[in-house]
Structure formats: C-alpha cells, structure tokens
C-alpha cells in the first residue's frame, strides 16, 4: 500500500503532509527526529489523518494536491470535528 498522511505538531499546531509506503515506520521516523528536515527541527509530531492507495502515483498525486490551497481547504473540511476540539489552531 501507499499512504498520503498528515502530521500535526502538538505544540504549535503546524502541519506536515507526506507520502510513504510504510506508514508506521515513517511516523516513528518523524517522531524520532529522522523523518525530514522540516519535522526534525521540532518534536511532538502526531498522525492525525491518512489515506491509503494501491497505486503509488495516486498517493503521490494526492500528496501534491493536499499541499496546495484547495487541498488544505479539503483537509480542514474533513477534519472539522477534530479542529473544533483543538481550538488553538
């Protein structure tokens, strides 16, 4: 499987959107400071959303979409209940 995922930093509520073939390992990498430069600079990352795809190109395309303006709007709509319970956003 191929995954597009969204991490949220529990301290400043910033988001990181990525793609992986091994979601559990990738999230652990991010949490341990080994994910990428962006997430290594902060601690406190948690997985709040993901989508699974059979085809790699579908997952990569979805990652690109979610990183854009319309994708961010989509995520905020999908996570409406989560975001309303975390008003510090």
N, C-alpha and C. Protein backbone atom coordinates (compact mmCIF):
# COMPACT_ATOMS: atom_id res chain seq x y z
N UNK A 1 0.84 -1.18 0.00
CA UNK A 1 0.00 0.00 0.00
C UNK A 1 0.89 1.25 0.00
N UNK A 2 0.29 2.33 -0.43
CA UNK A 2 0.95 3.64 -0.46
C UNK A 2 0.06 4.61 0.31
N UNK A 3 0.69 5.45 1.10
CA UNK A 3 -0.06 6.32 2.00
C UNK A 3 0.30 7.79 1.82
N UNK A 4 -0.72 8.62 1.88
CA UNK A 4 -0.56 10.06 1.99
C UNK A 4 -1.02 10.38 3.41
N UNK A 5 -0.23 11.17 4.12
CA UNK A 5 -0.54 11.37 5.54
C UNK A 5 -0.35 12.81 5.97
N UNK A 6 -0.96 13.13 7.10
CA UNK A 6 -0.88 14.46 7.69
C UNK A 6 -0.46 14.32 9.14
N UNK A 7 0.63 14.99 9.48
CA UNK A 7 1.09 15.06 10.86
C UNK A 7 0.79 16.45 11.39
N UNK A 8 0.51 16.51 12.68
CA UNK A 8 0.33 17.80 13.33
C UNK A 8 1.30 17.90 14.49
N UNK A 9 1.88 19.07 14.66
CA UNK A 9 2.76 19.28 15.80
C UNK A 9 1.90 19.68 16.99
N UNK A 10 2.02 18.92 18.07
CA UNK A 10 1.14 19.16 19.22
C UNK A 10 1.46 20.45 19.96
N UNK A 11 2.61 21.05 19.70
CA UNK A 11 2.99 22.28 20.40
C UNK A 11 2.56 23.54 19.65
N UNK A 12 2.82 23.61 18.36
CA UNK A 12 2.47 24.82 17.61
C UNK A 12 1.37 24.60 16.57
N UNK A 13 0.85 23.38 16.50
CA UNK A 13 -0.26 23.02 15.60
C UNK A 13 0.08 23.13 14.11
N UNK A 14 1.38 23.18 13.77
CA UNK A 14 1.75 23.19 12.36
C UNK A 14 1.52 21.82 11.76
N UNK A 15 1.40 21.76 10.44
CA UNK A 15 1.14 20.52 9.73
C UNK A 15 2.31 20.14 8.85
N UNK A 16 2.42 18.82 8.64
CA UNK A 16 3.36 18.28 7.66
C UNK A 16 2.60 17.24 6.85
N UNK A 17 2.65 17.33 5.54
CA UNK A 17 1.97 16.39 4.65
C UNK A 17 3.03 15.62 3.89
N UNK A 18 2.88 14.30 3.84
CA UNK A 18 3.87 13.49 3.16
C UNK A 18 3.28 12.24 2.53
N UNK A 19 4.16 11.46 1.93
CA UNK A 19 3.82 10.21 1.25
C UNK A 19 4.80 9.14 1.72
N UNK A 20 4.32 7.90 1.85
CA UNK A 20 5.20 6.79 2.22
C UNK A 20 4.58 5.46 1.81
N UNK A 21 5.41 4.44 1.80
CA UNK A 21 4.94 3.07 1.59
C UNK A 21 4.82 2.32 2.91
N UNK A 22 5.44 2.84 3.97
CA UNK A 22 5.40 2.21 5.29
C UNK A 22 5.01 3.28 6.32
N UNK A 23 3.73 3.42 6.55
CA UNK A 23 3.21 4.50 7.37
C UNK A 23 3.72 4.44 8.81
N UNK A 24 3.68 3.28 9.43
CA UNK A 24 4.12 3.17 10.83
C UNK A 24 5.58 3.56 11.00
N UNK A 25 6.43 3.08 10.11
CA UNK A 25 7.86 3.40 10.20
C UNK A 25 8.09 4.88 9.95
N UNK A 26 7.41 5.43 8.98
CA UNK A 26 7.61 6.84 8.64
C UNK A 26 7.18 7.76 9.78
N UNK A 27 6.06 7.46 10.42
CA UNK A 27 5.60 8.27 11.54
C UNK A 27 6.61 8.17 12.69
N UNK A 28 7.10 6.96 12.96
CA UNK A 28 8.12 6.80 14.01
C UNK A 28 9.38 7.59 13.67
N UNK A 29 9.76 7.58 12.40
CA UNK A 29 10.93 8.36 11.97
C UNK A 29 10.72 9.85 12.26
N UNK A 30 9.56 10.36 11.88
CA UNK A 30 9.26 11.78 12.13
C UNK A 30 9.28 12.08 13.63
N UNK A 31 8.69 11.21 14.42
CA UNK A 31 8.63 11.43 15.86
C UNK A 31 10.00 11.35 16.51
N UNK A 32 10.90 10.59 15.90
CA UNK A 32 12.25 10.45 16.44
C UNK A 32 13.24 11.46 15.90
N UNK A 33 12.78 12.38 15.06
CA UNK A 33 13.65 13.41 14.51
C UNK A 33 14.41 12.98 13.28
N UNK A 34 14.00 11.86 12.65
CA UNK A 34 14.70 11.35 11.47
C UNK A 34 13.86 11.41 10.22
N UNK A 35 12.69 12.01 10.27
CA UNK A 35 11.77 12.00 9.14
C UNK A 35 12.25 12.83 7.97
N UNK A 36 12.47 14.08 8.19
CA UNK A 36 12.95 15.02 7.19
C UNK A 36 13.40 16.27 7.92
N UNK A 37 13.98 17.19 7.20
CA UNK A 37 14.49 18.40 7.85
C UNK A 37 13.37 19.19 8.53
N UNK A 38 12.22 19.28 7.88
CA UNK A 38 11.11 20.05 8.43
C UNK A 38 10.64 19.50 9.77
N UNK A 39 10.45 18.19 9.86
CA UNK A 39 9.96 17.62 11.11
C UNK A 39 11.08 17.37 12.12
N UNK A 40 12.31 17.28 11.67
CA UNK A 40 13.43 17.06 12.59
C UNK A 40 13.70 18.29 13.44
N UNK A 41 13.28 19.45 12.97
CA UNK A 41 13.53 20.70 13.69
C UNK A 41 12.64 20.85 14.92
N UNK A 42 11.57 20.06 15.01
CA UNK A 42 10.62 20.15 16.13
C UNK A 42 10.31 18.74 16.63
N UNK A 43 9.90 18.66 17.87
CA UNK A 43 9.40 17.40 18.40
C UNK A 43 7.88 17.51 18.56
N UNK A 44 7.23 16.40 18.87
CA UNK A 44 5.80 16.43 19.15
C UNK A 44 4.89 16.20 17.96
N UNK A 45 5.35 15.46 16.96
CA UNK A 45 4.52 15.19 15.78
C UNK A 45 3.59 14.02 16.05
N UNK A 46 2.34 14.16 15.62
CA UNK A 46 1.38 13.06 15.74
C UNK A 46 0.57 12.93 14.45
N UNK A 47 0.27 11.70 14.11
CA UNK A 47 -0.52 11.41 12.92
C UNK A 47 -1.97 11.76 13.20
N UNK A 48 -2.58 12.60 12.35
CA UNK A 48 -3.98 12.95 12.55
C UNK A 48 -4.86 12.55 11.36
N UNK A 49 -4.24 12.19 10.21
CA UNK A 49 -5.04 11.84 9.04
C UNK A 49 -4.17 11.09 8.05
N UNK A 50 -4.75 10.09 7.38
CA UNK A 50 -4.05 9.43 6.29
C UNK A 50 -5.05 8.83 5.31
N UNK A 51 -4.58 8.60 4.11
CA UNK A 51 -5.35 7.93 3.06
C UNK A 51 -4.46 6.84 2.48
N UNK A 52 -5.06 5.70 2.13
CA UNK A 52 -4.31 4.58 1.57
C UNK A 52 -4.67 4.40 0.09
N UNK A 53 -3.64 4.07 -0.70
CA UNK A 53 -3.81 3.88 -2.14
C UNK A 53 -3.08 2.63 -2.58
N UNK A 54 -3.60 1.98 -3.58
CA UNK A 54 -2.95 0.80 -4.16
C UNK A 54 -1.84 1.25 -5.10
N UNK A 55 -2.07 2.33 -5.82
CA UNK A 55 -1.12 2.81 -6.82
C UNK A 55 -0.28 3.97 -6.26
N UNK A 56 1.03 3.87 -6.43
CA UNK A 56 1.95 4.90 -5.94
C UNK A 56 1.66 6.27 -6.54
N UNK A 57 1.42 6.32 -7.83
CA UNK A 57 1.17 7.61 -8.49
C UNK A 57 -0.08 8.30 -7.95
N UNK A 58 -1.08 7.52 -7.56
CA UNK A 58 -2.27 8.11 -6.95
C UNK A 58 -1.93 8.76 -5.62
N UNK A 59 -1.13 8.08 -4.80
CA UNK A 59 -0.76 8.62 -3.49
C UNK A 59 0.12 9.87 -3.63
N UNK A 60 1.06 9.84 -4.55
CA UNK A 60 1.95 10.99 -4.76
C UNK A 60 1.14 12.18 -5.30
N UNK A 61 0.22 11.92 -6.21
CA UNK A 61 -0.64 12.97 -6.73
C UNK A 61 -1.52 13.57 -5.64
N UNK A 62 -2.00 12.73 -4.76
CA UNK A 62 -2.84 13.21 -3.66
C UNK A 62 -2.02 14.07 -2.70
N UNK A 63 -0.78 13.66 -2.45
CA UNK A 63 0.10 14.46 -1.60
C UNK A 63 0.27 15.86 -2.18
N UNK A 64 0.53 15.94 -3.47
CA UNK A 64 0.70 17.24 -4.12
C UNK A 64 -0.57 18.08 -4.00
N UNK A 65 -1.72 17.45 -4.20
CA UNK A 65 -2.99 18.17 -4.07
C UNK A 65 -3.18 18.71 -2.66
N UNK A 66 -2.95 17.86 -1.65
CA UNK A 66 -3.18 18.27 -0.26
C UNK A 66 -2.24 19.38 0.19
N UNK A 67 -1.08 19.48 -0.43
CA UNK A 67 -0.13 20.54 -0.08
C UNK A 67 -0.53 21.90 -0.66
N UNK A 68 -1.45 21.90 -1.59
CA UNK A 68 -1.90 23.15 -2.22
C UNK A 68 -3.07 23.77 -1.47
N UNK A 69 -3.50 24.92 -1.93
CA UNK A 69 -4.57 25.67 -1.28
C UNK A 69 -5.89 24.91 -1.21
N UNK A 70 -6.32 24.32 -2.32
CA UNK A 70 -7.57 23.57 -2.33
C UNK A 70 -7.47 22.33 -1.45
N UNK A 71 -6.29 21.74 -1.40
CA UNK A 71 -6.08 20.57 -0.56
C UNK A 71 -6.17 20.90 0.91
N UNK A 72 -5.63 22.04 1.28
CA UNK A 72 -5.71 22.48 2.69
C UNK A 72 -7.17 22.75 3.08
N UNK A 73 -7.94 23.33 2.17
CA UNK A 73 -9.36 23.56 2.42
C UNK A 73 -10.06 22.22 2.60
N UNK A 74 -9.75 21.26 1.73
CA UNK A 74 -10.33 19.92 1.84
C UNK A 74 -10.02 19.29 3.20
N UNK A 75 -8.75 19.37 3.63
CA UNK A 75 -8.37 18.78 4.92
C UNK A 75 -9.10 19.44 6.08
N UNK A 76 -9.22 20.74 6.04
CA UNK A 76 -9.92 21.44 7.11
C UNK A 76 -11.39 21.03 7.17
N UNK A 77 -11.99 20.78 6.00
CA UNK A 77 -13.38 20.32 5.96
C UNK A 77 -13.48 18.89 6.50
N UNK A 78 -12.56 18.03 6.09
CA UNK A 78 -12.57 16.63 6.55
C UNK A 78 -12.32 16.52 8.05
N UNK A 79 -11.51 17.40 8.58
CA UNK A 79 -11.11 17.34 9.99
C UNK A 79 -11.86 18.36 10.84
N UNK A 80 -13.04 18.77 10.40
CA UNK A 80 -13.80 19.81 11.07
C UNK A 80 -14.01 19.52 12.56
N UNK A 81 -14.40 18.32 12.90
CA UNK A 81 -14.64 17.98 14.30
C UNK A 81 -13.36 17.97 15.11
N UNK A 82 -12.30 17.41 14.54
CA UNK A 82 -11.00 17.40 15.22
C UNK A 82 -10.51 18.82 15.46
N UNK A 83 -10.58 19.64 14.45
CA UNK A 83 -10.09 21.01 14.55
C UNK A 83 -10.91 21.85 15.53
N UNK A 84 -12.22 21.60 15.58
CA UNK A 84 -13.06 22.38 16.51
C UNK A 84 -12.78 21.99 17.95
N UNK A 85 -12.27 20.79 18.18
CA UNK A 85 -11.91 20.37 19.54
C UNK A 85 -10.51 20.80 19.93
N UNK A 86 -9.75 21.32 18.99
CA UNK A 86 -8.39 21.80 19.21
C UNK A 86 -8.33 23.25 18.77
N UNK A 87 -8.97 24.11 19.49
CA UNK A 87 -9.18 25.50 19.09
C UNK A 87 -7.91 26.34 19.00
N UNK A 88 -6.78 25.82 19.40
CA UNK A 88 -5.53 26.58 19.35
C UNK A 88 -5.01 26.73 17.93
N UNK A 89 -5.70 26.21 16.93
CA UNK A 89 -5.20 26.23 15.55
C UNK A 89 -5.23 27.59 14.93
